[in-house]
N, C-alpha and C. Protein backbone atom coordinates (compact mmCIF):
# COMPACT_ATOMS: atom_id res chain seq x y z
N MET A 1 -10.49 -11.22 0.59
CA MET A 1 -10.51 -9.79 0.24
C MET A 1 -11.44 -8.91 1.11
N LYS A 2 -12.68 -9.28 1.34
CA LYS A 2 -13.54 -8.76 2.09
C LYS A 2 -13.09 -8.57 3.22
N LYS A 3 -12.67 -9.78 4.01
CA LYS A 3 -11.92 -9.77 5.55
C LYS A 3 -11.12 -9.03 5.91
N LEU A 4 -10.18 -8.51 4.70
CA LEU A 4 -8.99 -7.69 4.70
C LEU A 4 -9.55 -6.35 4.75
N PHE A 5 -10.57 -6.22 3.98
CA PHE A 5 -11.18 -4.66 3.99
C PHE A 5 -12.14 -4.43 5.39
N TYR A 6 -12.79 -5.61 5.85
CA TYR A 6 -13.39 -5.55 7.19
C TYR A 6 -12.65 -5.25 8.25
N ALA A 7 -11.40 -6.11 8.19
CA ALA A 7 -10.49 -5.75 9.33
C ALA A 7 -9.80 -4.44 9.39
N GLY A 8 -9.74 -3.89 8.29
CA GLY A 8 -9.31 -2.42 8.23
C GLY A 8 -10.37 -1.51 8.77
N GLY A 9 -11.43 -1.78 7.97
CA GLY A 9 -12.74 -0.75 8.89
C GLY A 9 -12.73 -0.86 10.32
N ILE A 10 -12.52 -1.96 10.90
CA ILE A 10 -12.77 -2.35 12.16
C ILE A 10 -11.59 -1.51 13.00
N LEU A 11 -10.38 -1.79 12.21
CA LEU A 11 -9.11 -1.13 13.25
C LEU A 11 -9.23 0.57 13.15
N ILE A 12 -9.84 0.85 12.00
CA ILE A 12 -10.04 2.47 11.88
C ILE A 12 -11.19 2.95 12.89
N SER A 13 -12.24 2.32 12.73
CA SER A 13 -13.35 2.65 13.75
C SER A 13 -12.80 2.70 15.07
N GLY A 14 -12.03 1.24 15.49
CA GLY A 14 -11.70 1.20 16.77
C GLY A 14 -10.64 2.39 17.12
N LEU A 15 -9.89 2.98 16.13
CA LEU A 15 -9.22 3.97 16.46
C LEU A 15 -9.47 5.27 16.72
N CYS A 16 -10.71 5.34 15.97
CA CYS A 16 -11.22 6.77 16.17
C CYS A 16 -12.01 7.30 17.33
N PHE A 17 -12.13 5.83 18.31
CA PHE A 17 -12.77 6.18 19.42
C PHE A 17 -11.64 5.92 20.65
N SER A 18 -10.35 6.14 20.19
CA SER A 18 -9.28 5.94 21.47
C SER A 18 -9.52 7.11 22.24
N GLN A 19 -9.07 6.81 23.64
CA GLN A 19 -9.29 7.85 24.64
C GLN A 19 -7.86 8.41 24.95
N GLU A 20 -6.88 7.91 24.30
CA GLU A 20 -5.26 8.43 24.73
C GLU A 20 -5.09 9.96 23.92
N THR A 21 -4.55 10.55 24.75
CA THR A 21 -4.48 12.17 24.42
C THR A 21 -3.22 12.28 23.34
N ASP A 22 -2.15 11.71 23.57
CA ASP A 22 -1.25 11.79 22.80
C ASP A 22 -0.86 11.20 21.24
N SER A 23 -2.37 10.51 21.04
CA SER A 23 -2.38 9.97 19.79
C SER A 23 -3.34 10.73 18.99
N LYS A 24 -2.96 10.61 17.71
CA LYS A 24 -4.09 11.27 16.73
C LYS A 24 -4.18 10.69 15.36
N ILE A 25 -5.52 11.20 14.70
CA ILE A 25 -5.90 10.42 13.56
C ILE A 25 -6.19 11.61 12.60
N LYS A 26 -5.52 11.51 11.30
CA LYS A 26 -5.39 12.49 10.35
C LYS A 26 -5.49 12.17 9.01
N ALA A 27 -6.04 13.09 8.27
CA ALA A 27 -6.05 12.77 6.76
C ALA A 27 -5.10 13.32 6.17
N SER A 28 -4.12 12.89 5.17
CA SER A 28 -3.38 13.78 4.49
C SER A 28 -3.16 13.35 2.85
N PHE A 29 -2.40 14.14 2.08
CA PHE A 29 -2.45 13.74 0.74
C PHE A 29 -0.91 13.07 0.40
N PHE A 30 -0.07 13.24 1.41
CA PHE A 30 1.34 12.82 1.26
C PHE A 30 2.23 12.72 2.44
N ASP A 31 2.74 11.62 2.78
CA ASP A 31 3.57 11.39 4.14
C ASP A 31 5.07 11.38 4.02
N GLY A 32 5.59 11.44 2.76
CA GLY A 32 6.81 11.57 2.55
C GLY A 32 7.70 9.94 3.10
N ILE A 33 6.97 8.96 2.40
CA ILE A 33 7.43 7.52 2.60
C ILE A 33 7.64 6.88 1.19
N ALA A 34 8.69 6.35 1.13
CA ALA A 34 9.20 5.58 -0.21
C ALA A 34 9.14 4.10 0.11
N VAL A 35 8.59 3.29 -0.51
CA VAL A 35 8.53 1.88 -0.27
C VAL A 35 9.08 1.06 -1.62
N ALA A 36 9.67 0.09 -1.37
CA ALA A 36 10.10 -0.93 -2.42
C ALA A 36 9.47 -2.49 -1.75
N GLY A 37 9.18 -3.04 -2.78
CA GLY A 37 8.71 -4.47 -2.42
C GLY A 37 8.44 -5.25 -3.76
N TYR A 38 7.56 -6.52 -3.06
CA TYR A 38 7.45 -7.55 -4.04
C TYR A 38 6.17 -7.79 -4.24
N VAL A 39 5.38 -7.89 -5.38
CA VAL A 39 3.93 -8.33 -5.57
C VAL A 39 3.91 -9.07 -6.76
N ASP A 40 3.06 -10.35 -6.87
CA ASP A 40 2.91 -10.95 -8.25
C ASP A 40 3.98 -11.08 -8.95
N HIS A 41 5.41 -11.70 -8.59
CA HIS A 41 6.39 -12.35 -9.46
C HIS A 41 7.04 -10.88 -10.02
N GLY A 42 6.96 -9.62 -9.53
CA GLY A 42 7.29 -8.54 -10.01
C GLY A 42 7.70 -7.23 -8.62
N ALA A 43 8.32 -6.41 -8.87
CA ALA A 43 8.86 -5.61 -7.91
C ALA A 43 7.94 -4.12 -8.06
N PHE A 44 7.76 -3.21 -6.96
CA PHE A 44 7.12 -2.05 -7.00
C PHE A 44 8.16 -1.04 -6.10
N LEU A 45 7.68 0.04 -6.49
CA LEU A 45 8.34 1.31 -5.96
C LEU A 45 7.24 2.09 -5.90
N ASN A 46 6.66 2.56 -4.53
CA ASN A 46 5.50 3.49 -4.55
C ASN A 46 5.93 4.75 -3.09
N PHE A 47 4.98 5.37 -3.46
CA PHE A 47 5.26 6.58 -2.12
C PHE A 47 3.57 6.73 -1.86
N THR A 48 3.30 6.90 -0.37
CA THR A 48 2.04 6.87 -0.04
C THR A 48 1.48 7.94 -0.38
N GLY A 49 0.30 7.70 -0.89
CA GLY A 49 -0.59 8.89 -1.23
C GLY A 49 -1.83 9.34 -0.33
N PRO A 50 -2.92 9.65 -0.91
CA PRO A 50 -3.89 10.12 0.01
C PRO A 50 -4.13 9.00 1.26
N ASN A 51 -4.32 9.38 2.25
CA ASN A 51 -4.49 8.54 3.32
C ASN A 51 -5.29 8.89 4.62
N VAL A 52 -5.74 7.87 5.45
CA VAL A 52 -5.87 8.31 6.82
C VAL A 52 -4.96 7.49 7.27
N SER A 53 -4.18 8.29 8.59
CA SER A 53 -3.15 7.77 9.78
C SER A 53 -3.41 7.92 10.95
N TYR A 54 -2.92 7.13 11.82
CA TYR A 54 -3.27 6.99 13.25
C TYR A 54 -1.74 7.33 13.72
N LYS A 55 -1.52 8.05 14.63
CA LYS A 55 -0.34 8.03 15.25
C LYS A 55 -0.10 8.05 16.71
N ASN A 56 0.70 7.10 17.24
CA ASN A 56 0.81 6.88 18.88
C ASN A 56 2.27 6.82 19.22
N LYS A 57 2.70 7.82 19.86
CA LYS A 57 4.32 7.92 19.83
C LYS A 57 5.11 7.73 18.64
N ASP A 58 6.09 6.39 18.59
CA ASP A 58 6.58 6.09 17.37
C ASP A 58 6.11 5.59 16.39
N LEU A 59 4.97 4.89 16.70
CA LEU A 59 4.17 3.97 15.51
C LEU A 59 3.11 4.72 15.22
N LYS A 60 3.25 4.72 13.65
CA LYS A 60 2.09 5.50 12.41
C LYS A 60 1.55 4.37 11.92
N LEU A 61 0.24 4.11 11.78
CA LEU A 61 -0.52 3.16 10.71
C LEU A 61 -1.13 4.02 9.75
N ILE A 62 -1.02 3.81 8.67
CA ILE A 62 -1.43 4.44 7.43
C ILE A 62 -2.40 3.57 6.62
N LEU A 63 -3.69 3.88 6.44
CA LEU A 63 -4.46 3.18 5.17
C LEU A 63 -4.74 4.08 4.11
N GLY A 64 -4.27 3.82 3.05
CA GLY A 64 -4.39 4.76 2.02
C GLY A 64 -4.01 4.26 0.64
N MET A 65 -4.25 5.16 -0.32
CA MET A 65 -3.79 4.78 -1.79
C MET A 65 -2.29 5.02 -1.88
N LEU A 66 -1.87 4.04 -3.02
CA LEU A 66 -0.43 3.93 -3.32
C LEU A 66 -0.10 4.13 -4.48
N PRO A 67 0.44 5.46 -4.96
CA PRO A 67 0.88 5.71 -6.39
C PRO A 67 2.34 4.69 -6.73
N SER A 68 2.44 4.02 -7.80
CA SER A 68 3.28 3.22 -7.70
C SER A 68 4.05 3.08 -9.14
N LEU A 69 5.19 2.56 -8.96
CA LEU A 69 5.67 2.05 -10.50
C LEU A 69 5.96 0.55 -10.30
N ARG A 70 5.30 -0.18 -11.11
CA ARG A 70 5.39 -1.73 -11.07
C ARG A 70 6.21 -2.01 -12.05
N ILE A 71 7.24 -2.95 -11.78
CA ILE A 71 8.57 -3.47 -12.39
C ILE A 71 8.00 -5.16 -12.60
N LYS A 72 7.88 -5.37 -14.02
CA LYS A 72 7.57 -6.87 -14.00
C LYS A 72 7.73 -6.85 -15.64
N GLU A 73 8.46 -8.11 -15.71
CA GLU A 73 8.64 -8.58 -16.93
C GLU A 73 7.32 -9.44 -17.77
N ASP A 74 6.84 -9.27 -18.76
CA ASP A 74 5.80 -9.83 -19.47
C ASP A 74 6.16 -11.20 -19.94
N GLN A 75 5.47 -12.11 -19.61
CA GLN A 75 5.71 -13.48 -20.07
C GLN A 75 5.00 -14.00 -21.08
N SER A 76 4.18 -13.12 -21.61
CA SER A 76 3.31 -13.55 -22.97
C SER A 76 4.05 -13.78 -24.23
N GLU A 77 3.75 -14.33 -25.19
CA GLU A 77 4.13 -14.75 -26.51
C GLU A 77 3.78 -13.36 -27.49
N GLY A 78 4.79 -13.11 -28.38
CA GLY A 78 4.26 -11.95 -29.33
C GLY A 78 4.70 -10.84 -28.44
N THR A 79 3.21 -9.78 -28.72
CA THR A 79 3.49 -8.30 -28.27
C THR A 79 3.49 -8.50 -26.57
N LYS A 80 4.28 -7.43 -26.00
CA LYS A 80 4.46 -7.32 -24.42
C LYS A 80 4.35 -5.89 -24.13
N ASN A 81 4.04 -5.87 -22.73
CA ASN A 81 3.77 -4.57 -22.23
C ASN A 81 4.98 -4.27 -21.85
N SER A 82 5.33 -2.71 -21.45
CA SER A 82 6.38 -2.30 -20.92
C SER A 82 6.80 -2.91 -19.62
N PRO A 83 7.91 -2.96 -19.29
CA PRO A 83 8.24 -3.89 -17.91
C PRO A 83 8.05 -2.84 -16.87
N ILE A 84 8.03 -1.62 -17.09
CA ILE A 84 7.57 -0.37 -15.96
C ILE A 84 6.43 0.25 -16.26
N MET A 85 5.66 -0.01 -15.21
CA MET A 85 4.22 0.59 -15.53
C MET A 85 3.55 1.34 -14.33
N PRO A 86 3.17 2.48 -14.89
CA PRO A 86 2.57 3.21 -13.40
C PRO A 86 1.26 2.78 -13.10
N THR A 87 0.95 2.49 -11.92
CA THR A 87 -0.46 1.89 -11.17
C THR A 87 -0.89 2.52 -9.76
N LEU A 88 -1.96 2.39 -9.52
CA LEU A 88 -2.02 2.68 -8.22
C LEU A 88 -2.84 1.45 -7.44
N GLY A 89 -2.40 1.53 -6.37
CA GLY A 89 -2.52 0.45 -5.47
C GLY A 89 -3.43 0.72 -4.05
N ALA A 90 -3.42 0.07 -2.88
CA ALA A 90 -3.93 0.27 -2.02
C ALA A 90 -3.32 -0.57 -0.75
N GLY A 91 -3.55 0.18 0.36
CA GLY A 91 -3.11 -0.84 1.38
C GLY A 91 -2.64 -0.41 2.87
N LEU A 92 -1.96 -0.97 3.62
CA LEU A 92 -1.53 -0.46 4.98
C LEU A 92 -0.26 -0.51 5.11
N THR A 93 0.29 0.51 5.85
CA THR A 93 1.76 0.85 5.99
C THR A 93 1.91 1.25 7.50
N ALA A 94 2.57 0.47 8.30
CA ALA A 94 3.09 0.73 9.26
C ALA A 94 4.48 1.27 9.42
N VAL A 95 4.38 2.42 10.28
CA VAL A 95 6.08 3.14 10.23
C VAL A 95 6.48 3.07 11.77
N TYR A 96 7.63 2.38 12.05
CA TYR A 96 8.07 2.61 13.48
C TYR A 96 9.38 3.66 13.19
N LYS A 97 9.27 4.73 13.78
CA LYS A 97 10.51 5.55 13.94
C LYS A 97 10.78 5.95 12.46
N LYS A 98 11.48 5.45 11.61
CA LYS A 98 11.73 6.02 10.29
C LYS A 98 11.68 4.75 9.25
N ILE A 99 11.33 3.57 9.62
CA ILE A 99 11.34 2.01 8.97
C ILE A 99 9.84 1.83 8.85
N ALA A 100 9.50 1.72 7.55
CA ALA A 100 8.25 1.50 6.92
C ALA A 100 8.18 0.12 6.61
N LEU A 101 6.80 -0.81 7.04
CA LEU A 101 6.35 -1.96 6.54
C LEU A 101 5.11 -1.75 5.96
N GLN A 102 4.96 -2.41 4.74
CA GLN A 102 3.95 -2.16 3.88
C GLN A 102 3.24 -3.46 3.42
N VAL A 103 1.87 -3.65 3.35
CA VAL A 103 1.17 -4.47 2.79
C VAL A 103 0.25 -4.21 1.88
N PRO A 104 0.56 -3.79 0.36
CA PRO A 104 -0.34 -3.18 -0.63
C PRO A 104 -1.17 -4.24 -1.34
N VAL A 105 -1.91 -3.92 -1.83
CA VAL A 105 -2.95 -4.87 -3.06
C VAL A 105 -2.82 -4.13 -4.15
N TYR A 106 -2.61 -4.67 -5.23
CA TYR A 106 -2.74 -4.17 -6.58
C TYR A 106 -3.68 -4.97 -7.58
N TYR A 107 -4.52 -4.25 -8.49
CA TYR A 107 -5.35 -5.25 -9.34
C TYR A 107 -4.76 -5.33 -10.56
N ASN A 108 -4.74 -7.00 -11.07
CA ASN A 108 -4.26 -6.99 -12.31
C ASN A 108 -5.61 -7.26 -13.15
N THR A 109 -5.58 -6.46 -14.25
CA THR A 109 -6.82 -6.60 -15.20
C THR A 109 -6.81 -8.05 -16.10
N LYS A 110 -8.10 -8.12 -16.48
CA LYS A 110 -8.36 -9.17 -17.13
C LYS A 110 -7.25 -9.29 -18.35
N THR A 111 -6.78 -10.43 -19.00
CA THR A 111 -6.30 -10.59 -20.30
C THR A 111 -6.88 -11.94 -20.92
N SER A 112 -6.39 -12.21 -22.08
CA SER A 112 -6.92 -13.41 -22.85
C SER A 112 -6.59 -14.61 -22.01
N THR A 113 -5.69 -14.66 -21.13
CA THR A 113 -5.30 -15.93 -20.82
C THR A 113 -5.76 -16.13 -19.03
N GLN A 114 -6.08 -14.98 -18.70
CA GLN A 114 -6.20 -14.73 -16.98
C GLN A 114 -7.57 -13.92 -16.71
N ASN A 115 -8.06 -14.22 -15.53
CA ASN A 115 -9.29 -13.12 -15.34
C ASN A 115 -8.62 -12.33 -14.29
N GLY A 116 -9.23 -11.08 -14.02
CA GLY A 116 -8.68 -9.71 -13.48
C GLY A 116 -8.56 -10.36 -12.00
N ALA A 117 -7.57 -10.09 -11.11
CA ALA A 117 -7.63 -10.60 -9.74
C ALA A 117 -6.77 -9.31 -8.97
N TRP A 118 -6.90 -9.44 -7.53
CA TRP A 118 -6.40 -8.60 -6.68
C TRP A 118 -5.13 -9.66 -6.15
N LYS A 119 -3.92 -8.89 -6.31
CA LYS A 119 -2.65 -9.55 -5.74
C LYS A 119 -2.24 -8.78 -4.54
N ILE A 120 -1.77 -9.22 -3.58
CA ILE A 120 -1.32 -8.91 -2.14
C ILE A 120 0.39 -8.78 -2.30
N GLY A 121 1.10 -7.77 -1.65
CA GLY A 121 2.43 -7.87 -1.68
C GLY A 121 2.82 -7.44 -0.57
N VAL A 122 4.30 -7.27 -0.08
CA VAL A 122 4.89 -6.93 1.10
C VAL A 122 6.24 -5.64 0.87
N GLY A 123 6.24 -4.66 1.29
CA GLY A 123 7.57 -3.94 1.09
C GLY A 123 7.98 -3.51 2.25
N LEU A 124 9.23 -3.07 2.24
CA LEU A 124 10.00 -2.15 3.16
C LEU A 124 10.14 -1.09 2.70
N GLY A 125 10.48 0.03 3.57
CA GLY A 125 10.67 1.44 2.93
C GLY A 125 11.25 2.21 3.97
N TYR A 126 11.21 3.63 4.03
CA TYR A 126 11.67 4.76 4.81
C TYR A 126 10.88 6.00 4.76
N SER A 127 10.68 6.34 6.10
CA SER A 127 9.84 7.67 5.93
C SER A 127 10.80 9.00 6.14
N PHE A 128 10.84 9.76 5.17
CA PHE A 128 11.70 10.90 5.17
C PHE A 128 11.07 11.98 6.07
N LYS A 129 10.13 12.05 6.72
CA LYS A 129 9.42 13.12 7.68
C LYS A 129 10.02 12.80 8.95
């Protein structure tokens, strides 16, 4: 997991020192992108939240937080969680023209049978901007 964050930091710092005039780095609260995907034997639906983005012609790279709805049936015996739960993830989104490809990470909290752990997923979406 540390390697993923280091790689993201190197990517962002490298982009900050870019010499191209038609590319730009900016921060925003919402980019108008909806993504559906798969993580940890369940699905998610998210929208890009606060982020830092880099745009170069038709390609946009976004590193930020992902307010999401996770859809996963609880496999435990007895009492169960709701199958749809709001959660916050983080990740990298690449948008080419209007198609978005996303690699999100979500944290699963500790339970009586499992330790807490980060789970990596993959998603495909659409940019409305």
